[in-house]
N, C-alpha and C. Protein backbone atom coordinates (compact mmCIF):
# COMPACT_ATOMS: atom_id res chain seq x y z
N MET A 1 6.65 -4.53 -11.96
CA MET A 1 5.53 -3.73 -11.51
C MET A 1 5.89 -3.03 -10.21
N ILE A 2 5.35 -1.82 -10.06
CA ILE A 2 5.52 -1.05 -8.84
C ILE A 2 4.15 -0.61 -8.35
N CYS A 3 4.06 -0.32 -7.06
CA CYS A 3 2.84 0.23 -6.48
C CYS A 3 3.14 1.63 -5.98
N VAL A 4 2.23 2.55 -6.27
CA VAL A 4 2.35 3.94 -5.84
C VAL A 4 1.00 4.38 -5.29
N PHE A 5 1.02 5.02 -4.12
CA PHE A 5 -0.19 5.60 -3.55
C PHE A 5 -0.29 7.04 -4.02
N VAL A 6 -1.43 7.41 -4.61
CA VAL A 6 -1.66 8.78 -5.07
C VAL A 6 -2.86 9.36 -4.32
N TYR A 7 -2.83 10.68 -4.10
CA TYR A 7 -3.86 11.32 -3.28
C TYR A 7 -4.29 12.68 -3.81
N GLY A 8 -3.74 13.12 -4.93
CA GLY A 8 -4.05 14.46 -5.45
C GLY A 8 -4.32 14.46 -6.94
N THR A 9 -3.55 15.22 -7.67
CA THR A 9 -3.83 15.43 -9.09
C THR A 9 -3.52 14.22 -9.97
N LEU A 10 -2.91 13.18 -9.43
CA LEU A 10 -2.69 11.94 -10.18
C LEU A 10 -3.87 10.97 -10.08
N LEU A 11 -4.79 11.23 -9.17
CA LEU A 11 -5.96 10.35 -9.01
C LEU A 11 -6.69 10.17 -10.34
N THR A 12 -7.38 9.06 -10.48
CA THR A 12 -8.18 8.78 -11.66
C THR A 12 -9.14 9.94 -11.92
N GLY A 13 -9.10 10.48 -13.13
CA GLY A 13 -9.98 11.56 -13.51
C GLY A 13 -9.45 12.95 -13.21
N GLU A 14 -8.33 13.06 -12.50
CA GLU A 14 -7.77 14.36 -12.16
C GLU A 14 -6.79 14.83 -13.24
N VAL A 15 -6.35 16.06 -13.14
CA VAL A 15 -5.61 16.76 -14.19
C VAL A 15 -4.29 16.07 -14.60
N ASN A 16 -3.58 15.45 -13.69
CA ASN A 16 -2.30 14.82 -14.03
C ASN A 16 -2.38 13.30 -14.19
N HIS A 17 -3.58 12.77 -14.17
CA HIS A 17 -3.73 11.31 -14.29
C HIS A 17 -3.14 10.78 -15.60
N GLN A 18 -3.17 11.60 -16.66
CA GLN A 18 -2.68 11.13 -17.97
C GLN A 18 -1.20 10.78 -17.93
N ILE A 19 -0.44 11.27 -16.95
CA ILE A 19 0.98 10.93 -16.83
C ILE A 19 1.14 9.47 -16.43
N ALA A 20 0.29 8.99 -15.55
CA ALA A 20 0.35 7.60 -15.08
C ALA A 20 -0.41 6.64 -15.98
N ALA A 21 -1.45 7.13 -16.63
CA ALA A 21 -2.39 6.27 -17.36
C ALA A 21 -1.74 5.28 -18.34
N PRO A 22 -0.74 5.66 -19.15
CA PRO A 22 -0.18 4.69 -20.10
C PRO A 22 0.50 3.49 -19.43
N TYR A 23 0.85 3.62 -18.17
CA TYR A 23 1.59 2.57 -17.46
C TYR A 23 0.73 1.84 -16.43
N LEU A 24 -0.50 2.26 -16.30
CA LEU A 24 -1.39 1.78 -15.25
C LEU A 24 -1.94 0.39 -15.57
N ARG A 25 -1.80 -0.52 -14.62
CA ARG A 25 -2.29 -1.89 -14.79
C ARG A 25 -3.46 -2.21 -13.87
N HIS A 26 -3.53 -1.52 -12.72
CA HIS A 26 -4.60 -1.81 -11.76
C HIS A 26 -4.72 -0.63 -10.80
N VAL A 27 -5.96 -0.32 -10.39
CA VAL A 27 -6.24 0.75 -9.43
C VAL A 27 -7.15 0.19 -8.35
N GLU A 28 -6.86 0.53 -7.11
CA GLU A 28 -7.80 0.21 -6.02
C GLU A 28 -7.74 1.30 -4.96
N PRO A 29 -8.84 1.52 -4.27
CA PRO A 29 -8.86 2.57 -3.25
C PRO A 29 -7.96 2.21 -2.08
N GLY A 30 -7.52 3.23 -1.37
CA GLY A 30 -6.69 3.01 -0.20
C GLY A 30 -6.66 4.25 0.66
N ALA A 31 -5.87 4.17 1.72
CA ALA A 31 -5.71 5.29 2.64
C ALA A 31 -4.36 5.18 3.33
N VAL A 32 -3.80 6.31 3.66
CA VAL A 32 -2.59 6.36 4.48
C VAL A 32 -2.84 7.31 5.64
N CYS A 33 -2.05 7.20 6.69
CA CYS A 33 -2.16 8.12 7.82
C CYS A 33 -1.21 9.29 7.61
N GLY A 34 -1.72 10.48 7.87
CA GLY A 34 -0.91 11.67 7.72
C GLY A 34 -1.76 12.91 7.78
N ARG A 35 -1.23 13.99 7.22
CA ARG A 35 -1.97 15.25 7.13
C ARG A 35 -1.83 15.79 5.72
N LEU A 36 -2.95 16.26 5.19
CA LEU A 36 -3.02 16.80 3.83
C LEU A 36 -3.05 18.32 3.91
N TYR A 37 -2.33 18.98 2.97
CA TYR A 37 -2.25 20.44 2.96
C TYR A 37 -2.56 20.99 1.58
N ASP A 38 -3.14 22.19 1.57
CA ASP A 38 -3.55 22.86 0.34
C ASP A 38 -2.42 23.77 -0.16
N PHE A 39 -1.84 23.42 -1.30
CA PHE A 39 -0.82 24.25 -1.92
C PHE A 39 -1.38 25.03 -3.10
N GLY A 40 -2.71 25.04 -3.21
CA GLY A 40 -3.37 25.75 -4.32
C GLY A 40 -3.82 24.77 -5.38
N PRO A 41 -3.03 24.62 -6.46
CA PRO A 41 -3.47 23.72 -7.53
C PRO A 41 -3.28 22.24 -7.22
N TYR A 42 -2.56 21.94 -6.13
CA TYR A 42 -2.34 20.55 -5.77
C TYR A 42 -2.07 20.45 -4.26
N PRO A 43 -2.22 19.23 -3.71
CA PRO A 43 -1.99 19.06 -2.28
C PRO A 43 -0.58 18.55 -1.98
N GLY A 44 -0.21 18.68 -0.72
CA GLY A 44 0.97 18.02 -0.19
C GLY A 44 0.55 17.18 0.99
N LEU A 45 1.26 16.11 1.24
CA LEU A 45 0.93 15.22 2.34
C LEU A 45 2.16 15.08 3.22
N VAL A 46 1.95 15.16 4.52
CA VAL A 46 3.00 14.94 5.51
C VAL A 46 2.64 13.69 6.29
N LEU A 47 3.57 12.77 6.41
CA LEU A 47 3.31 11.50 7.10
C LEU A 47 3.47 11.66 8.61
N GLU A 48 2.57 12.42 9.21
CA GLU A 48 2.51 12.57 10.66
C GLU A 48 1.05 12.67 11.04
N GLY A 49 0.74 12.25 12.25
CA GLY A 49 -0.65 12.28 12.68
C GLY A 49 -1.38 11.02 12.29
N GLU A 50 -2.63 10.97 12.71
CA GLU A 50 -3.44 9.76 12.52
C GLU A 50 -4.62 9.98 11.58
N GLU A 51 -4.70 11.12 10.91
CA GLU A 51 -5.79 11.34 9.97
C GLU A 51 -5.67 10.34 8.82
N ARG A 52 -6.80 9.83 8.39
CA ARG A 52 -6.79 8.93 7.23
C ARG A 52 -6.95 9.75 5.97
N ILE A 53 -5.98 9.64 5.09
CA ILE A 53 -5.99 10.36 3.82
C ILE A 53 -6.41 9.39 2.72
N GLU A 54 -7.50 9.71 2.05
CA GLU A 54 -8.01 8.85 0.98
C GLU A 54 -7.20 9.02 -0.29
N GLY A 55 -7.10 7.93 -1.03
CA GLY A 55 -6.40 7.97 -2.31
C GLY A 55 -6.59 6.68 -3.06
N GLU A 56 -5.66 6.42 -3.97
CA GLU A 56 -5.71 5.21 -4.79
C GLU A 56 -4.32 4.60 -4.86
N TRP A 57 -4.31 3.29 -4.87
CA TRP A 57 -3.08 2.53 -5.14
C TRP A 57 -3.04 2.23 -6.62
N PHE A 58 -1.98 2.66 -7.26
CA PHE A 58 -1.75 2.35 -8.67
C PHE A 58 -0.72 1.24 -8.77
N GLN A 59 -1.05 0.21 -9.53
CA GLN A 59 -0.06 -0.78 -9.91
C GLN A 59 0.38 -0.39 -11.31
N LEU A 60 1.67 -0.11 -11.47
CA LEU A 60 2.21 0.49 -12.69
C LEU A 60 3.39 -0.29 -13.23
N ASP A 61 3.60 -0.18 -14.54
CA ASP A 61 4.83 -0.68 -15.13
C ASP A 61 6.00 0.09 -14.53
N ASP A 62 7.15 -0.54 -14.39
CA ASP A 62 8.31 0.06 -13.75
C ASP A 62 8.71 1.40 -14.37
N GLU A 63 8.59 1.52 -15.69
CA GLU A 63 9.05 2.75 -16.36
C GLU A 63 8.21 3.98 -15.99
N ALA A 64 7.09 3.79 -15.33
CA ALA A 64 6.26 4.93 -14.90
C ALA A 64 6.97 5.79 -13.87
N LEU A 65 7.83 5.17 -13.07
CA LEU A 65 8.44 5.89 -11.95
C LEU A 65 9.24 7.11 -12.42
N VAL A 66 9.95 7.02 -13.52
CA VAL A 66 10.72 8.16 -14.01
C VAL A 66 9.81 9.33 -14.37
N HIS A 67 8.63 9.06 -14.89
CA HIS A 67 7.68 10.11 -15.25
C HIS A 67 7.03 10.72 -14.00
N LEU A 68 6.71 9.88 -13.03
CA LEU A 68 6.14 10.39 -11.78
C LEU A 68 7.18 11.21 -11.02
N ASP A 69 8.42 10.72 -11.00
CA ASP A 69 9.50 11.48 -10.35
C ASP A 69 9.64 12.86 -10.97
N ALA A 70 9.55 12.94 -12.29
CA ALA A 70 9.67 14.23 -12.97
C ALA A 70 8.52 15.17 -12.58
N LEU A 71 7.30 14.65 -12.57
CA LEU A 71 6.14 15.46 -12.18
C LEU A 71 6.31 16.00 -10.76
N GLU A 72 6.73 15.14 -9.85
CA GLU A 72 6.82 15.50 -8.44
C GLU A 72 8.15 16.19 -8.10
N GLU A 73 8.98 16.41 -9.10
CA GLU A 73 10.29 17.04 -8.91
C GLU A 73 11.11 16.32 -7.85
N TYR A 74 11.16 14.99 -8.00
CA TYR A 74 11.97 14.14 -7.14
C TYR A 74 13.20 13.74 -7.93
N TYR A 75 14.38 14.16 -7.46
CA TYR A 75 15.63 13.93 -8.18
C TYR A 75 16.50 12.86 -7.55
N GLY A 76 16.10 12.38 -6.40
CA GLY A 76 16.85 11.32 -5.74
C GLY A 76 17.13 11.66 -4.29
N PRO A 77 17.57 10.65 -3.53
CA PRO A 77 17.86 10.87 -2.11
C PRO A 77 18.92 11.96 -1.92
N GLY A 78 18.67 12.85 -0.95
CA GLY A 78 19.63 13.88 -0.63
C GLY A 78 19.66 15.06 -1.58
N GLN A 79 18.83 15.05 -2.62
CA GLN A 79 18.78 16.14 -3.58
C GLN A 79 17.79 17.20 -3.12
N SER A 80 17.75 18.31 -3.83
CA SER A 80 16.79 19.38 -3.53
C SER A 80 15.47 19.03 -4.22
N ASN A 81 14.68 18.20 -3.58
CA ASN A 81 13.42 17.69 -4.12
C ASN A 81 12.24 18.54 -3.68
N ASP A 82 11.23 18.65 -4.54
CA ASP A 82 9.98 19.25 -4.11
C ASP A 82 9.24 18.27 -3.20
N TYR A 83 9.10 17.04 -3.65
CA TYR A 83 8.51 15.96 -2.87
C TYR A 83 9.58 14.91 -2.64
N GLU A 84 9.48 14.20 -1.53
CA GLU A 84 10.32 13.04 -1.28
C GLU A 84 9.52 11.79 -1.66
N ARG A 85 10.18 10.81 -2.21
CA ARG A 85 9.53 9.53 -2.50
C ARG A 85 9.95 8.55 -1.42
N VAL A 86 8.94 8.06 -0.67
CA VAL A 86 9.20 7.16 0.45
C VAL A 86 8.26 5.95 0.38
N TRP A 87 8.59 4.93 1.13
CA TRP A 87 7.81 3.69 1.19
C TRP A 87 6.76 3.82 2.29
N VAL A 88 5.54 3.40 2.01
CA VAL A 88 4.44 3.54 2.98
C VAL A 88 3.54 2.31 2.91
N ARG A 89 2.81 2.08 3.99
CA ARG A 89 1.80 1.00 4.05
C ARG A 89 0.42 1.62 4.10
N ASP A 90 -0.54 0.91 3.56
CA ASP A 90 -1.94 1.34 3.62
C ASP A 90 -2.41 1.33 5.07
N ALA A 91 -3.21 2.33 5.44
CA ALA A 91 -3.71 2.46 6.81
C ALA A 91 -4.71 1.38 7.18
N LEU A 92 -5.42 0.84 6.21
CA LEU A 92 -6.46 -0.15 6.49
C LEU A 92 -6.05 -1.57 6.12
N ARG A 93 -5.13 -1.68 5.18
CA ARG A 93 -4.65 -2.99 4.72
C ARG A 93 -3.13 -2.98 4.72
N PRO A 94 -2.49 -3.29 5.85
CA PRO A 94 -1.04 -3.17 5.96
C PRO A 94 -0.25 -4.07 5.01
N GLU A 95 -0.91 -5.05 4.41
CA GLU A 95 -0.21 -5.88 3.42
C GLU A 95 0.00 -5.13 2.11
N ARG A 96 -0.73 -4.04 1.92
CA ARG A 96 -0.59 -3.19 0.73
C ARG A 96 0.47 -2.13 1.04
N GLU A 97 1.51 -2.07 0.24
CA GLU A 97 2.57 -1.10 0.46
C GLU A 97 3.18 -0.67 -0.86
N GLY A 98 3.81 0.48 -0.84
CA GLY A 98 4.45 0.98 -2.05
C GLY A 98 4.97 2.39 -1.84
N TRP A 99 5.28 3.04 -2.95
CA TRP A 99 5.84 4.40 -2.93
C TRP A 99 4.74 5.45 -2.75
N ILE A 100 5.14 6.58 -2.20
CA ILE A 100 4.28 7.76 -2.08
C ILE A 100 5.18 8.98 -2.15
N TYR A 101 4.66 10.07 -2.66
CA TYR A 101 5.39 11.34 -2.70
C TYR A 101 4.84 12.23 -1.60
N VAL A 102 5.75 12.69 -0.72
CA VAL A 102 5.34 13.46 0.46
C VAL A 102 6.23 14.67 0.68
N TRP A 103 5.72 15.58 1.50
CA TRP A 103 6.51 16.71 2.00
C TRP A 103 7.07 16.35 3.36
N ASN A 104 8.12 17.08 3.77
CA ASN A 104 8.69 16.90 5.11
C ASN A 104 7.94 17.71 6.17
N ASP A 105 7.27 18.80 5.74
CA ASP A 105 6.50 19.62 6.67
C ASP A 105 5.38 20.32 5.90
N SER A 106 4.58 21.10 6.59
CA SER A 106 3.39 21.72 5.98
C SER A 106 3.69 22.88 5.05
N ARG A 107 4.91 23.42 5.08
CA ARG A 107 5.32 24.57 4.29
C ARG A 107 4.42 25.78 4.54
N GLY A 108 3.77 25.81 5.68
CA GLY A 108 2.89 26.93 6.02
C GLY A 108 1.55 26.91 5.32
N CYS A 109 1.21 25.82 4.66
CA CYS A 109 -0.06 25.72 3.93
C CYS A 109 -1.20 25.33 4.88
N ALA A 110 -2.41 25.68 4.47
CA ALA A 110 -3.60 25.35 5.26
C ALA A 110 -3.87 23.85 5.21
N PRO A 111 -4.27 23.26 6.33
CA PRO A 111 -4.62 21.84 6.33
C PRO A 111 -5.92 21.58 5.59
N ILE A 112 -6.00 20.42 4.99
CA ILE A 112 -7.22 19.94 4.34
C ILE A 112 -7.85 18.95 5.32
N ARG A 113 -8.86 19.38 6.02
CA ARG A 113 -9.44 18.57 7.10
C ARG A 113 -10.29 17.41 6.60
N GLU A 114 -10.74 17.47 5.36
CA GLU A 114 -11.59 16.40 4.82
C GLU A 114 -10.84 15.09 4.66
N GLY A 115 -9.52 15.12 4.57
CA GLY A 115 -8.75 13.89 4.35
C GLY A 115 -8.86 13.38 2.93
N SER A 116 -9.40 14.20 2.05
CA SER A 116 -9.60 13.80 0.65
C SER A 116 -9.43 15.03 -0.24
N TRP A 117 -8.51 14.97 -1.17
CA TRP A 117 -8.32 16.07 -2.11
C TRP A 117 -9.59 16.29 -2.92
N ARG A 118 -10.20 15.21 -3.40
CA ARG A 118 -11.42 15.35 -4.22
C ARG A 118 -12.55 16.02 -3.45
N ALA A 119 -12.79 15.57 -2.23
CA ALA A 119 -13.86 16.16 -1.42
C ALA A 119 -13.56 17.63 -1.13
N TYR A 120 -12.32 17.95 -0.90
CA TYR A 120 -11.91 19.33 -0.61
C TYR A 120 -12.13 20.21 -1.83
N VAL A 121 -11.69 19.77 -2.99
CA VAL A 121 -11.84 20.56 -4.21
C VAL A 121 -13.33 20.76 -4.53
N LYS A 122 -14.11 19.72 -4.35
CA LYS A 122 -15.56 19.81 -4.60
C LYS A 122 -16.20 20.82 -3.66
N LYS A 123 -15.81 20.80 -2.41
CA LYS A 123 -16.35 21.72 -1.41
C LYS A 123 -15.95 23.16 -1.73
N LYS A 124 -14.72 23.36 -2.24
CA LYS A 124 -14.24 24.70 -2.58
C LYS A 124 -14.96 25.28 -3.79
N SER A 125 -15.39 24.42 -4.68
CA SER A 125 -16.00 24.88 -5.95
C SER A 125 -17.37 25.48 -5.78
């Protein structure tokens, strides 16, 4: 089993959730510290700052990681990745830790001040 923190289109009920769903064993809410950015159809997260970013912790079968890596265009350490996969701890429960897909910088995108992709998308609609 692996744990992955998701904060955008992989969230339960969102457009890419079906990629994780076959491997999903448990979901619980969580948060990480960082900054969320609007890339249009999906967000990016940078692990800097103290904003609390809402999301979900997925407990998944190990084979899910290859599918999530493909979605996030993560090819491995030192490769030309769209997102980097790094280890992170929950902002409220430090005993909860796992993988997260993040950007290295904002890429010039607008910040999402709500700290929640869902709240931001709802507000935009």
